[in-house]
Amino acid sequence: MQSHARLTTDKAARYMTQLAKHWGHRFEVSYDDISALIPLPLGTCSMMADLEGLDVTIEAADLEGLARLEDVVADHLLRFAFREPVKCLAWTRAWEAGRIDPPALRINGVSP
């Protein structure tokens, strides 16, 4: 199961890097200037930063794990982004029939 959220910010790369470094002390995280992959016990978190925001996609084996991972990732990310006017992330879930492609969503005019 998969879920996606977008944080609109001009500091996307900064927040992504902070989160990757934070979890890098406990997990085998890989990241560069525009993307990060964080394997967590509940599932994986992948992030893509651009000039206008941060796409966060998480995957878990079941709905319970996905819900917990949404909470954990949002809580950590929003702590780093405390100056942003956002108080929560709006998650969009993809079921087994499909997968989420964040850049394609924006190109097609659909806001995640």
PDB file of N, CA and C in Angstrom:
ATOM      1  N   MET A   1       0.839  -1.161   0.000  1.00  0.00           N
ATOM      2  CA  MET A   1       0.000   0.000   0.000  1.00  0.00           C
ATOM      3  C   MET A   1       0.895   1.239   0.000  1.00  0.00           C
ATOM      4  N   GLN A   2       0.374   2.302  -0.585  1.00  0.00           N
ATOM      5  CA  GLN A   2       1.172   3.506  -0.792  1.00  0.00           C
ATOM      6  C   GLN A   2       0.352   4.739  -0.449  1.00  0.00           C
ATOM      7  N   SER A   3       1.045   5.772   0.036  1.00  0.00           N
ATOM      8  CA  SER A   3       0.399   7.026   0.377  1.00  0.00           C
ATOM      9  C   SER A   3       1.338   8.177   0.010  1.00  0.00           C
ATOM     10  N   HIS A   4       0.754   9.300  -0.372  1.00  0.00           N
ATOM     11  CA  HIS A   4       1.546  10.448  -0.821  1.00  0.00           C
ATOM     12  C   HIS A   4       1.037  11.735  -0.178  1.00  0.00           C
ATOM     13  N   ALA A   5       1.982  12.632   0.124  1.00  0.00           N
ATOM     14  CA  ALA A   5       1.637  13.978   0.595  1.00  0.00           C
ATOM     15  C   ALA A   5       2.632  14.952  -0.018  1.00  0.00           C
ATOM     16  N   ARG A   6       2.202  16.185  -0.146  1.00  0.00           N
ATOM     17  CA  ARG A   6       3.090  17.234  -0.674  1.00  0.00           C
ATOM     18  C   ARG A   6       3.089  18.396   0.300  1.00  0.00           C
ATOM     19  N   LEU A   7       4.292  18.830   0.640  1.00  0.00           N
ATOM     20  CA  LEU A   7       4.475  20.010   1.466  1.00  0.00           C
ATOM     21  C   LEU A   7       4.947  21.120   0.544  1.00  0.00           C
ATOM     22  N   THR A   8       4.110  22.131   0.368  1.00  0.00           N
ATOM     23  CA  THR A   8       4.476  23.250  -0.491  1.00  0.00           C
ATOM     24  C   THR A   8       5.375  24.190   0.303  1.00  0.00           C
ATOM     25  N   THR A   9       6.605  24.340  -0.161  1.00  0.00           N
ATOM     26  CA  THR A   9       7.604  25.144   0.527  1.00  0.00           C
ATOM     27  C   THR A   9       8.780  25.410  -0.398  1.00  0.00           C
ATOM     28  N   ASP A  10       9.460  26.520  -0.162  1.00  0.00           N
ATOM     29  CA  ASP A  10      10.681  26.793  -0.920  1.00  0.00           C
ATOM     30  C   ASP A  10      11.914  26.217  -0.210  1.00  0.00           C
ATOM     31  N   LYS A  11      11.688  25.508   0.873  1.00  0.00           N
ATOM     32  CA  LYS A  11      12.776  24.889   1.648  1.00  0.00           C
ATOM     33  C   LYS A  11      12.707  23.362   1.598  1.00  0.00           C
ATOM     34  N   ALA A  12      12.174  22.826   0.542  1.00  0.00           N
ATOM     35  CA  ALA A  12      11.947  21.380   0.431  1.00  0.00           C
ATOM     36  C   ALA A  12      13.234  20.570   0.592  1.00  0.00           C
ATOM     37  N   ALA A  13      14.281  20.946  -0.114  1.00  0.00           N
ATOM     38  CA  ALA A  13      15.539  20.192  -0.040  1.00  0.00           C
ATOM     39  C   ALA A  13      16.120  20.242   1.369  1.00  0.00           C
ATOM     40  N   ARG A  14      15.979  21.357   2.016  1.00  0.00           N
ATOM     41  CA  ARG A  14      16.487  21.509   3.372  1.00  0.00           C
ATOM     42  C   ARG A  14      15.774  20.559   4.343  1.00  0.00           C
ATOM     43  N   TYR A  15      14.439  20.542   4.298  1.00  0.00           N
ATOM     44  CA  TYR A  15      13.676  19.672   5.195  1.00  0.00           C
ATOM     45  C   TYR A  15      13.937  18.202   4.899  1.00  0.00           C
ATOM     46  N   MET A  16      14.014  17.862   3.611  1.00  0.00           N
ATOM     47  CA  MET A  16      14.279  16.487   3.213  1.00  0.00           C
ATOM     48  C   MET A  16      15.637  16.035   3.755  1.00  0.00           C
ATOM     49  N   THR A  17      16.653  16.875   3.598  1.00  0.00           N
ATOM     50  CA  THR A  17      17.994  16.537   4.070  1.00  0.00           C
ATOM     51  C   THR A  17      18.033  16.415   5.587  1.00  0.00           C
ATOM     52  N   GLN A  18      17.359  17.314   6.284  1.00  0.00           N
ATOM     53  CA  GLN A  18      17.305  17.229   7.740  1.00  0.00           C
ATOM     54  C   GLN A  18      16.690  15.914   8.189  1.00  0.00           C
ATOM     55  N   LEU A  19      15.584  15.535   7.557  1.00  0.00           N
ATOM     56  CA  LEU A  19      14.915  14.292   7.936  1.00  0.00           C
ATOM     57  C   LEU A  19      15.783  13.082   7.598  1.00  0.00           C
ATOM     58  N   ALA A  20      16.426  13.106   6.444  1.00  0.00           N
ATOM     59  CA  ALA A  20      17.300  12.000   6.049  1.00  0.00           C
ATOM     60  C   ALA A  20      18.471  11.859   7.025  1.00  0.00           C
ATOM     61  N   LYS A  21      19.077  12.962   7.406  1.00  0.00           N
ATOM     62  CA  LYS A  21      20.184  12.912   8.362  1.00  0.00           C
ATOM     63  C   LYS A  21      19.702  12.448   9.737  1.00  0.00           C
ATOM     64  N   HIS A  22      18.530  12.915  10.129  1.00  0.00           N
ATOM     65  CA  HIS A  22      17.971  12.523  11.425  1.00  0.00           C
ATOM     66  C   HIS A  22      17.798  11.005  11.501  1.00  0.00           C
ATOM     67  N   TRP A  23      17.176  10.422  10.484  1.00  0.00           N
ATOM     68  CA  TRP A  23      16.956   8.981  10.491  1.00  0.00           C
ATOM     69  C   TRP A  23      18.192   8.204  10.060  1.00  0.00           C
ATOM     70  N   GLY A  24      19.157   8.889   9.456  1.00  0.00           N
ATOM     71  CA  GLY A  24      20.382   8.237   9.018  1.00  0.00           C
ATOM     72  C   GLY A  24      21.221   7.699  10.159  1.00  0.00           C
ATOM     73  N   HIS A  25      20.959   8.165  11.366  1.00  0.00           N
ATOM     74  CA  HIS A  25      21.689   7.660  12.521  1.00  0.00           C
ATOM     75  C   HIS A  25      21.214   6.269  12.935  1.00  0.00           C
ATOM     76  N   ARG A  26      20.007   5.904  12.503  1.00  0.00           N
ATOM     77  CA  ARG A  26      19.431   4.615  12.900  1.00  0.00           C
ATOM     78  C   ARG A  26      19.179   3.663  11.734  1.00  0.00           C
ATOM     79  N   PHE A  27      19.023   4.210  10.524  1.00  0.00           N
ATOM     80  CA  PHE A  27      18.657   3.395   9.369  1.00  0.00           C
ATOM     81  C   PHE A  27      19.599   3.683   8.207  1.00  0.00           C
ATOM     82  N   GLU A  28      19.622   2.777   7.225  1.00  0.00           N
ATOM     83  CA  GLU A  28      20.483   2.957   6.056  1.00  0.00           C
ATOM     84  C   GLU A  28      19.802   3.856   5.033  1.00  0.00           C
ATOM     85  N   VAL A  29      19.923   5.137   5.241  1.00  0.00           N
ATOM     86  CA  VAL A  29      19.279   6.155   4.422  1.00  0.00           C
ATOM     87  C   VAL A  29      20.180   6.513   3.246  1.00  0.00           C
ATOM     88  N   SER A  30      19.570   6.749   2.095  1.00  0.00           N
ATOM     89  CA  SER A  30      20.328   7.269   0.950  1.00  0.00           C
ATOM     90  C   SER A  30      19.638   8.548   0.481  1.00  0.00           C
ATOM     91  N   TYR A  31      20.438   9.563   0.187  1.00  0.00           N
ATOM     92  CA  TYR A  31      19.862  10.830  -0.272  1.00  0.00           C
ATOM     93  C   TYR A  31      20.891  11.635  -1.060  1.00  0.00           C
ATOM     94  N   ASP A  32      20.363  12.558  -1.860  1.00  0.00           N
ATOM     95  CA  ASP A  32      21.190  13.515  -2.588  1.00  0.00           C
ATOM     96  C   ASP A  32      20.482  14.861  -2.513  1.00  0.00           C
ATOM     97  N   ASP A  33      20.771  15.762  -3.425  1.00  0.00           N
ATOM     98  CA  ASP A  33      20.201  17.112  -3.368  1.00  0.00           C
ATOM     99  C   ASP A  33      18.697  17.166  -3.633  1.00  0.00           C
ATOM    100  N   ILE A  34      18.165  16.177  -4.336  1.00  0.00           N
ATOM    101  CA  ILE A  34      16.743  16.253  -4.710  1.00  0.00           C
ATOM    102  C   ILE A  34      15.897  15.055  -4.300  1.00  0.00           C
ATOM    103  N   SER A  35      16.522  14.005  -3.776  1.00  0.00           N
ATOM    104  CA  SER A  35      15.734  12.833  -3.409  1.00  0.00           C
ATOM    105  C   SER A  35      16.311  12.134  -2.185  1.00  0.00           C
ATOM    106  N   ALA A  36      15.450  11.369  -1.536  1.00  0.00           N
ATOM    107  CA  ALA A  36      15.880  10.583  -0.378  1.00  0.00           C
ATOM    108  C   ALA A  36      15.063   9.302  -0.318  1.00  0.00           C
ATOM    109  N   LEU A  37      15.688   8.256   0.170  1.00  0.00           N
ATOM    110  CA  LEU A  37      15.019   6.978   0.397  1.00  0.00           C
ATOM    111  C   LEU A  37      15.364   6.535   1.813  1.00  0.00           C
ATOM    112  N   ILE A  38      14.314   6.335   2.615  1.00  0.00           N
ATOM    113  CA  ILE A  38      14.502   5.995   4.020  1.00  0.00           C
ATOM    114  C   ILE A  38      13.759   4.696   4.322  1.00  0.00           C
ATOM    115  N   PRO A  39      14.501   3.601   4.532  1.00  0.00           N
ATOM    116  CA  PRO A  39      13.860   2.348   4.919  1.00  0.00           C
ATOM    117  C   PRO A  39      13.585   2.378   6.423  1.00  0.00           C
ATOM    118  N   LEU A  40      12.327   2.262   6.795  1.00  0.00           N
ATOM    119  CA  LEU A  40      11.916   2.284   8.195  1.00  0.00           C
ATOM    120  C   LEU A  40      11.322   0.928   8.564  1.00  0.00           C
ATOM    121  N   PRO A  41      11.235   0.606   9.846  1.00  0.00           N
ATOM    122  CA  PRO A  41      10.678  -0.695  10.234  1.00  0.00           C
ATOM    123  C   PRO A  41       9.251  -0.939   9.716  1.00  0.00           C
ATOM    124  N   LEU A  42       8.454   0.113   9.607  1.00  0.00           N
ATOM    125  CA  LEU A  42       7.072  -0.034   9.147  1.00  0.00           C
ATOM    126  C   LEU A  42       6.941  -0.051   7.627  1.00  0.00           C
ATOM    127  N   GLY A  43       7.961   0.418   6.916  1.00  0.00           N
ATOM    128  CA  GLY A  43       7.895   0.520   5.462  1.00  0.00           C
ATOM    129  C   GLY A  43       8.962   1.473   4.964  1.00  0.00           C
ATOM    130  N   THR A  44       8.767   2.015   3.774  1.00  0.00           N
ATOM    131  CA  THR A  44       9.760   2.940   3.223  1.00  0.00           C
ATOM    132  C   THR A  44       9.163   4.327   3.023  1.00  0.00           C
ATOM    133  N   CYS A  45      10.031   5.311   3.084  1.00  0.00           N
ATOM    134  CA  CYS A  45       9.670   6.696   2.829  1.00  0.00           C
ATOM    135  C   CYS A  45      10.596   7.208   1.743  1.00  0.00           C
ATOM    136  N   SER A  46      10.022   7.689   0.649  1.00  0.00           N
ATOM    137  CA  SER A  46      10.830   8.304  -0.395  1.00  0.00           C
ATOM    138  C   SER A  46      10.372   9.747  -0.556  1.00  0.00           C
ATOM    139  N   MET A  47      11.336  10.623  -0.807  1.00  0.00           N
ATOM    140  CA  MET A  47      11.033  12.043  -0.937  1.00  0.00           C
ATOM    141  C   MET A  47      11.707  12.603  -2.171  1.00  0.00           C
ATOM    142  N   MET A  48      11.027  13.562  -2.804  1.00  0.00           N
ATOM    143  CA  MET A  48      11.574  14.271  -3.957  1.00  0.00           C
ATOM    144  C   MET A  48      11.342  15.765  -3.728  1.00  0.00           C
ATOM    145  N   ALA A  49      12.435  16.514  -3.753  1.00  0.00           N
ATOM    146  CA  ALA A  49      12.351  17.954  -3.528  1.00  0.00           C
ATOM    147  C   ALA A  49      12.456  18.694  -4.853  1.00  0.00           C
ATOM    148  N   ASP A  50      11.661  19.750  -4.991  1.00  0.00           N
ATOM    149  CA  ASP A  50      11.793  20.653  -6.130  1.00  0.00           C
ATOM    150  C   ASP A  50      11.714  22.081  -5.592  1.00  0.00           C
ATOM    151  N   LEU A  51      11.734  23.053  -6.466  1.00  0.00           N
ATOM    152  CA  LEU A  51      11.753  24.448  -6.029  1.00  0.00           C
ATOM    153  C   LEU A  51      10.465  24.895  -5.346  1.00  0.00           C
ATOM    154  N   GLU A  52       9.382  24.157  -5.566  1.00  0.00           N
ATOM    155  CA  GLU A  52       8.087  24.563  -5.026  1.00  0.00           C
ATOM    156  C   GLU A  52       7.583  23.688  -3.886  1.00  0.00           C
ATOM    157  N   GLY A  53       8.247  22.557  -3.611  1.00  0.00           N
ATOM    158  CA  GLY A  53       7.762  21.718  -2.535  1.00  0.00           C
ATOM    159  C   GLY A  53       8.449  20.376  -2.435  1.00  0.00           C
ATOM    160  N   LEU A  54       7.948  19.603  -1.495  1.00  0.00           N
ATOM    161  CA  LEU A  54       8.501  18.290  -1.194  1.00  0.00           C
ATOM    162  C   LEU A  54       7.408  17.232  -1.343  1.00  0.00           C
ATOM    163  N   ASP A  55       7.656  16.256  -2.210  1.00  0.00           N
ATOM    164  CA  ASP A  55       6.760  15.116  -2.375  1.00  0.00           C
ATOM    165  C   ASP A  55       7.247  14.013  -1.451  1.00  0.00           C
ATOM    166  N   VAL A  56       6.342  13.483  -0.658  1.00  0.00           N
ATOM    167  CA  VAL A  56       6.660  12.409   0.285  1.00  0.00           C
ATOM    168  C   VAL A  56       5.762  11.228  -0.056  1.00  0.00           C
ATOM    169  N   THR A  57       6.367  10.098  -0.366  1.00  0.00           N
ATOM    170  CA  THR A  57       5.628   8.887  -0.687  1.00  0.00           C
ATOM    171  C   THR A  57       6.078   7.794   0.271  1.00  0.00           C
ATOM    172  N   ILE A  58       5.123   7.147   0.895  1.00  0.00           N
ATOM    173  CA  ILE A  58       5.446   6.067   1.818  1.00  0.00           C
ATOM    174  C   ILE A  58       4.771   4.783   1.355  1.00  0.00           C
ATOM    175  N   GLU A  59       5.390   3.665   1.713  1.00  0.00           N
ATOM    176  CA  GLU A  59       4.842   2.362   1.379  1.00  0.00           C
ATOM    177  C   GLU A  59       4.910   1.463   2.603  1.00  0.00           C
ATOM    178  N   ALA A  60       3.861   0.710   2.809  1.00  0.00           N
ATOM    179  CA  ALA A  60       3.799  -0.245   3.911  1.00  0.00           C
ATOM    180  C   ALA A  60       3.051  -1.491   3.445  1.00  0.00           C
ATOM    181  N   ALA A  61       3.219  -2.567   4.184  1.00  0.00           N
ATOM    182  CA  ALA A  61       2.612  -3.841   3.798  1.00  0.00           C
ATOM    183  C   ALA A  61       1.104  -3.884   4.012  1.00  0.00           C
ATOM    184  N   ASP A  62       0.601  -3.123   4.997  1.00  0.00           N
ATOM    185  CA  ASP A  62      -0.832  -3.173   5.288  1.00  0.00           C
ATOM    186  C   ASP A  62      -1.347  -1.797   5.693  1.00  0.00           C
ATOM    187  N   LEU A  63      -2.640  -1.679   5.803  1.00  0.00           N
ATOM    188  CA  LEU A  63      -3.287  -0.409   6.115  1.00  0.00           C
ATOM    189  C   LEU A  63      -2.879   0.130   7.484  1.00  0.00           C
ATOM    190  N   GLU A  64      -2.776  -0.740   8.451  1.00  0.00           N
ATOM    191  CA  GLU A  64      -2.376  -0.320   9.797  1.00  0.00           C
ATOM    192  C   GLU A  64      -0.965   0.273   9.785  1.00  0.00           C
ATOM    193  N   GLY A  65      -0.044  -0.400   9.103  1.00  0.00           N
ATOM    194  CA  GLY A  65       1.327   0.095   8.987  1.00  0.00           C
ATOM    195  C   GLY A  65       1.384   1.401   8.219  1.00  0.00           C
ATOM    196  N   LEU A  66       0.568   1.504   7.178  1.00  0.00           N
ATOM    197  CA  LEU A  66       0.534   2.725   6.379  1.00  0.00           C
ATOM    198  C   LEU A  66       0.050   3.911   7.220  1.00  0.00           C
ATOM    199  N   ALA A  67      -1.010   3.714   7.976  1.00  0.00           N
ATOM    200  CA  ALA A  67      -1.543   4.777   8.826  1.00  0.00           C
ATOM    201  C   ALA A  67      -0.518   5.212   9.867  1.00  0.00           C
ATOM    202  N   ARG A  68       0.149   4.265  10.467  1.00  0.00           N
ATOM    203  CA  ARG A  68       1.172   4.585  11.475  1.00  0.00           C
ATOM    204  C   ARG A  68       2.342   5.324  10.833  1.00  0.00           C
ATOM    205  N   LEU A  69       2.750   4.875   9.665  1.00  0.00           N
ATOM    206  CA  LEU A  69       3.861   5.514   8.960  1.00  0.00           C
ATOM    207  C   LEU A  69       3.505   6.941   8.541  1.00  0.00           C
ATOM    208  N   GLU A  70       2.262   7.147   8.107  1.00  0.00           N
ATOM    209  CA  GLU A  70       1.814   8.516   7.794  1.00  0.00           C
ATOM    210  C   GLU A  70       1.998   9.423   9.010  1.00  0.00           C
ATOM    211  N   ASP A  71       1.588   8.946  10.168  1.00  0.00           N
ATOM    212  CA  ASP A  71       1.715   9.741  11.393  1.00  0.00           C
ATOM    213  C   ASP A  71       3.169  10.008  11.756  1.00  0.00           C
ATOM    214  N   VAL A  72       3.999   8.983  11.702  1.00  0.00           N
ATOM    215  CA  VAL A  72       5.402   9.115  12.092  1.00  0.00           C
ATOM    216  C   VAL A  72       6.147  10.072  11.160  1.00  0.00           C
ATOM    217  N   VAL A  73       5.979   9.889   9.857  1.00  0.00           N
ATOM    218  CA  VAL A  73       6.674  10.735   8.884  1.00  0.00           C
ATOM    219  C   VAL A  73       6.189  12.181   8.995  1.00  0.00           C
ATOM    220  N   ALA A  74       4.883  12.385   9.068  1.00  0.00           N
ATOM    221  CA  ALA A  74       4.337  13.745   9.177  1.00  0.00           C
ATOM    222  C   ALA A  74       4.826  14.424  10.445  1.00  0.00           C
ATOM    223  N   ASP A  75       4.795  13.714  11.557  1.00  0.00           N
ATOM    224  CA  ASP A  75       5.238  14.289  12.823  1.00  0.00           C
ATOM    225  C   ASP A  75       6.689  14.755  12.740  1.00  0.00           C
ATOM    226  N   HIS A  76       7.561  13.917  12.231  1.00  0.00           N
ATOM    227  CA  HIS A  76       8.974  14.279  12.124  1.00  0.00           C
ATOM    228  C   HIS A  76       9.193  15.421  11.138  1.00  0.00           C
ATOM    229  N   LEU A  77       8.575  15.322   9.974  1.00  0.00           N
ATOM    230  CA  LEU A  77       8.765  16.352   8.948  1.00  0.00           C
ATOM    231  C   LEU A  77       8.255  17.715   9.422  1.00  0.00           C
ATOM    232  N   LEU A  78       7.094  17.737  10.036  1.00  0.00           N
ATOM    233  CA  LEU A  78       6.514  19.012  10.470  1.00  0.00           C
ATOM    234  C   LEU A  78       7.285  19.628  11.636  1.00  0.00           C
ATOM    235  N   ARG A  79       8.013  18.820  12.385  1.00  0.00           N
ATOM    236  CA  ARG A  79       8.897  19.389  13.415  1.00  0.00           C
ATOM    237  C   ARG A  79      10.018  20.202  12.773  1.00  0.00           C
ATOM    238  N   PHE A  80      10.555  19.722  11.661  1.00  0.00           N
ATOM    239  CA  PHE A  80      11.594  20.468  10.963  1.00  0.00           C
ATOM    240  C   PHE A  80      11.013  21.686  10.254  1.00  0.00           C
ATOM    241  N   ALA A  81       9.781  21.580   9.811  1.00  0.00           N
ATOM    242  CA  ALA A  81       9.126  22.657   9.052  1.00  0.00           C
ATOM    243  C   ALA A  81       8.207  23.488   9.950  1.00  0.00           C
ATOM    244  N   PHE A  82       8.592  23.682  11.196  1.00  0.00           N
ATOM    245  CA  PHE A  82       7.706  24.362  12.154  1.00  0.00           C
ATOM    246  C   PHE A  82       7.398  25.807  11.782  1.00  0.00           C
ATOM    247  N   ARG A  83       8.221  26.420  10.939  1.00  0.00           N
ATOM    248  CA  ARG A  83       7.962  27.805  10.528  1.00  0.00           C
ATOM    249  C   ARG A  83       6.952  27.898   9.381  1.00  0.00           C
ATOM    250  N   GLU A  84       6.649  26.764   8.776  1.00  0.00           N
ATOM    251  CA  GLU A  84       5.693  26.738   7.670  1.00  0.00           C
ATOM    252  C   GLU A  84       4.270  26.873   8.230  1.00  0.00           C
ATOM    253  N   PRO A  85       3.345  27.407   7.432  1.00  0.00           N
ATOM    254  CA  PRO A  85       1.971  27.570   7.906  1.00  0.00           C
ATOM    255  C   PRO A  85       1.156  26.278   7.923  1.00  0.00           C
ATOM    256  N   VAL A  86       1.777  25.157   7.645  1.00  0.00           N
ATOM    257  CA  VAL A  86       1.096  23.861   7.573  1.00  0.00           C
ATOM    258  C   VAL A  86       1.117  23.188   8.946  1.00  0.00           C
ATOM    259  N   LYS A  87      -0.023  22.712   9.383  1.00  0.00           N
ATOM    260  CA  LYS A  87      -0.119  22.030  10.678  1.00  0.00           C
ATOM    261  C   LYS A  87      -0.253  20.515  10.533  1.00  0.00           C
ATOM    262  N   CYS A  88      -0.607  20.053   9.319  1.00  0.00           N
ATOM    263  CA  CYS A  88      -0.715  18.614   9.075  1.00  0.00           C
ATOM    264  C   CYS A  88      -0.491  18.362   7.588  1.00  0.00           C
ATOM    265  N   LEU A  89      -0.176  17.128   7.252  1.00  0.00           N
ATOM    266  CA  LEU A  89      -0.030  16.735   5.856  1.00  0.00           C
ATOM    267  C   LEU A  89      -1.305  16.033   5.405  1.00  0.00           C
ATOM    268  N   ALA A  90      -1.730  16.318   4.200  1.00  0.00           N
ATOM    269  CA  ALA A  90      -2.907  15.661   3.615  1.00  0.00           C
ATOM    270  C   ALA A  90      -2.413  14.486   2.776  1.00  0.00           C
ATOM    271  N   TRP A  91      -2.653  13.293   3.253  1.00  0.00           N
ATOM    272  CA  TRP A  91      -2.194  12.085   2.576  1.00  0.00           C
ATOM    273  C   TRP A  91      -3.227  11.605   1.567  1.00  0.00           C
ATOM    274  N   THR A  92      -2.743  11.151   0.422  1.00  0.00           N
ATOM    275  CA  THR A  92      -3.571  10.521  -0.606  1.00  0.00           C
ATOM    276  C   THR A  92      -3.099   9.085  -0.732  1.00  0.00           C
ATOM    277  N   ARG A  93      -4.008   8.158  -0.562  1.00  0.00           N
ATOM    278  CA  ARG A  93      -3.624   6.740  -0.593  1.00  0.00           C
ATOM    279  C   ARG A  93      -3.898   6.116  -1.961  1.00  0.00           C
ATOM    280  N   ALA A  94      -2.962   5.259  -2.361  1.00  0.00           N
ATOM    281  CA  ALA A  94      -3.125   4.462  -3.576  1.00  0.00           C
ATOM    282  C   ALA A  94      -3.302   3.019  -3.127  1.00  0.00           C
ATOM    283  N   TRP A  95      -4.280   2.354  -3.646  1.00  0.00           N
ATOM    284  CA  TRP A  95      -4.514   0.970  -3.272  1.00  0.00           C
ATOM    285  C   TRP A  95      -3.737   0.058  -4.195  1.00  0.00           C
ATOM    286  N   GLU A  96      -3.845  -1.210  -4.014  1.00  0.00           N
ATOM    287  CA  GLU A  96      -3.046  -2.173  -4.761  1.00  0.00           C
ATOM    288  C   GLU A  96      -3.217  -2.054  -6.269  1.00  0.00           C
ATOM    289  N   ALA A  97      -4.323  -1.510  -6.716  1.00  0.00           N
ATOM    290  CA  ALA A  97      -4.582  -1.424  -8.159  1.00  0.00           C
ATOM    291  C   ALA A  97      -3.706  -0.393  -8.850  1.00  0.00           C
ATOM    292  N   GLY A  98      -3.119   0.526  -8.112  1.00  0.00           N
ATOM    293  CA  GLY A  98      -2.324   1.564  -8.757  1.00  0.00           C
ATOM    294  C   GLY A  98      -1.242   2.100  -7.862  1.00  0.00           C
ATOM    295  N   ARG A  99      -0.388   2.912  -8.459  1.00  0.00           N
ATOM    296  CA  ARG A  99       0.702   3.530  -7.725  1.00  0.00           C
ATOM    297  C   ARG A  99       0.639   5.036  -7.975  1.00  0.00           C
ATOM    298  N   ILE A 100       1.241   5.783  -7.099  1.00  0.00           N
ATOM    299  CA  ILE A 100       1.233   7.236  -7.194  1.00  0.00           C
ATOM    300  C   ILE A 100       2.509   7.704  -7.890  1.00  0.00           C
ATOM    301  N   ASP A 101       2.357   8.615  -8.832  1.00  0.00           N
ATOM    302  CA  ASP A 101       3.485   9.251  -9.508  1.00  0.00           C
ATOM    303  C   ASP A 101       3.342  10.757  -9.281  1.00  0.00           C
ATOM    304  N   PRO A 102       3.941  11.304  -8.196  1.00  0.00           N
ATOM    305  CA  PRO A 102       3.733  12.713  -7.830  1.00  0.00           C
ATOM    306  C   PRO A 102       3.967  13.717  -8.968  1.00  0.00           C
ATOM    307  N   PRO A 103       5.069  13.631  -9.727  1.00  0.00           N
ATOM    308  CA  PRO A 103       5.236  14.617 -10.807  1.00  0.00           C
ATOM    309  C   PRO A 103       4.126  14.534 -11.851  1.00  0.00           C
ATOM    310  N   ALA A 104       3.664  13.345 -12.158  1.00  0.00           N
ATOM    311  CA  ALA A 104       2.592  13.195 -13.149  1.00  0.00           C
ATOM    312  C   ALA A 104       1.305  13.815 -12.636  1.00  0.00           C
ATOM    313  N   LEU A 105       1.068  13.738 -11.337  1.00  0.00           N
ATOM    314  CA  LEU A 105      -0.131  14.364 -10.779  1.00  0.00           C
ATOM    315  C   LEU A 105      -0.132  15.869 -11.042  1.00  0.00           C
ATOM    316  N   ARG A 106       0.983  16.515 -10.832  1.00  0.00           N
ATOM    317  CA  ARG A 106       1.067  17.960 -11.045  1.00  0.00           C
ATOM    318  C   ARG A 106       0.988  18.314 -12.523  1.00  0.00           C
ATOM    319  N   ILE A 107       1.606  17.512 -13.368  1.00  0.00           N
ATOM    320  CA  ILE A 107       1.579  17.781 -14.816  1.00  0.00           C
ATOM    321  C   ILE A 107       0.159  17.681 -15.346  1.00  0.00           C
ATOM    322  N   ASN A 108      -0.609  16.743 -14.836  1.00  0.00           N
ATOM    323  CA  ASN A 108      -1.982  16.545 -15.294  1.00  0.00           C
ATOM    324  C   ASN A 108      -2.961  17.491 -14.622  1.00  0.00           C
ATOM    325  N   GLY A 109      -2.458  18.394 -13.774  1.00  0.00           N
ATOM    326  CA  GLY A 109      -3.317  19.393 -13.162  1.00  0.00           C
ATOM    327  C   GLY A 109      -4.062  18.924 -11.932  1.00  0.00           C
ATOM    328  N   VAL A 110      -3.724  17.752 -11.446  1.00  0.00           N
ATOM    329  CA  VAL A 110      -4.365  17.233 -10.243  1.00  0.00           C
ATOM    330  C   VAL A 110      -3.465  17.568  -9.072  1.00  0.00           C
ATOM    331  N   SER A 111      -4.019  18.154  -8.045  1.00  0.00           N
ATOM    332  CA  SER A 111      -3.235  18.485  -6.862  1.00  0.00           C
ATOM    333  C   SER A 111      -3.362  17.380  -5.841  1.00  0.00           C
ATOM    334  N   PRO A 112      -2.221  16.767  -5.463  1.00  0.00           N
ATOM    335  CA  PRO A 112      -2.276  15.673  -4.479  1.00  0.00           C
ATOM    336  C   PRO A 112      -2.682  16.190  -3.111  1.00  0.00           C
TER     337      PRO A 112
END
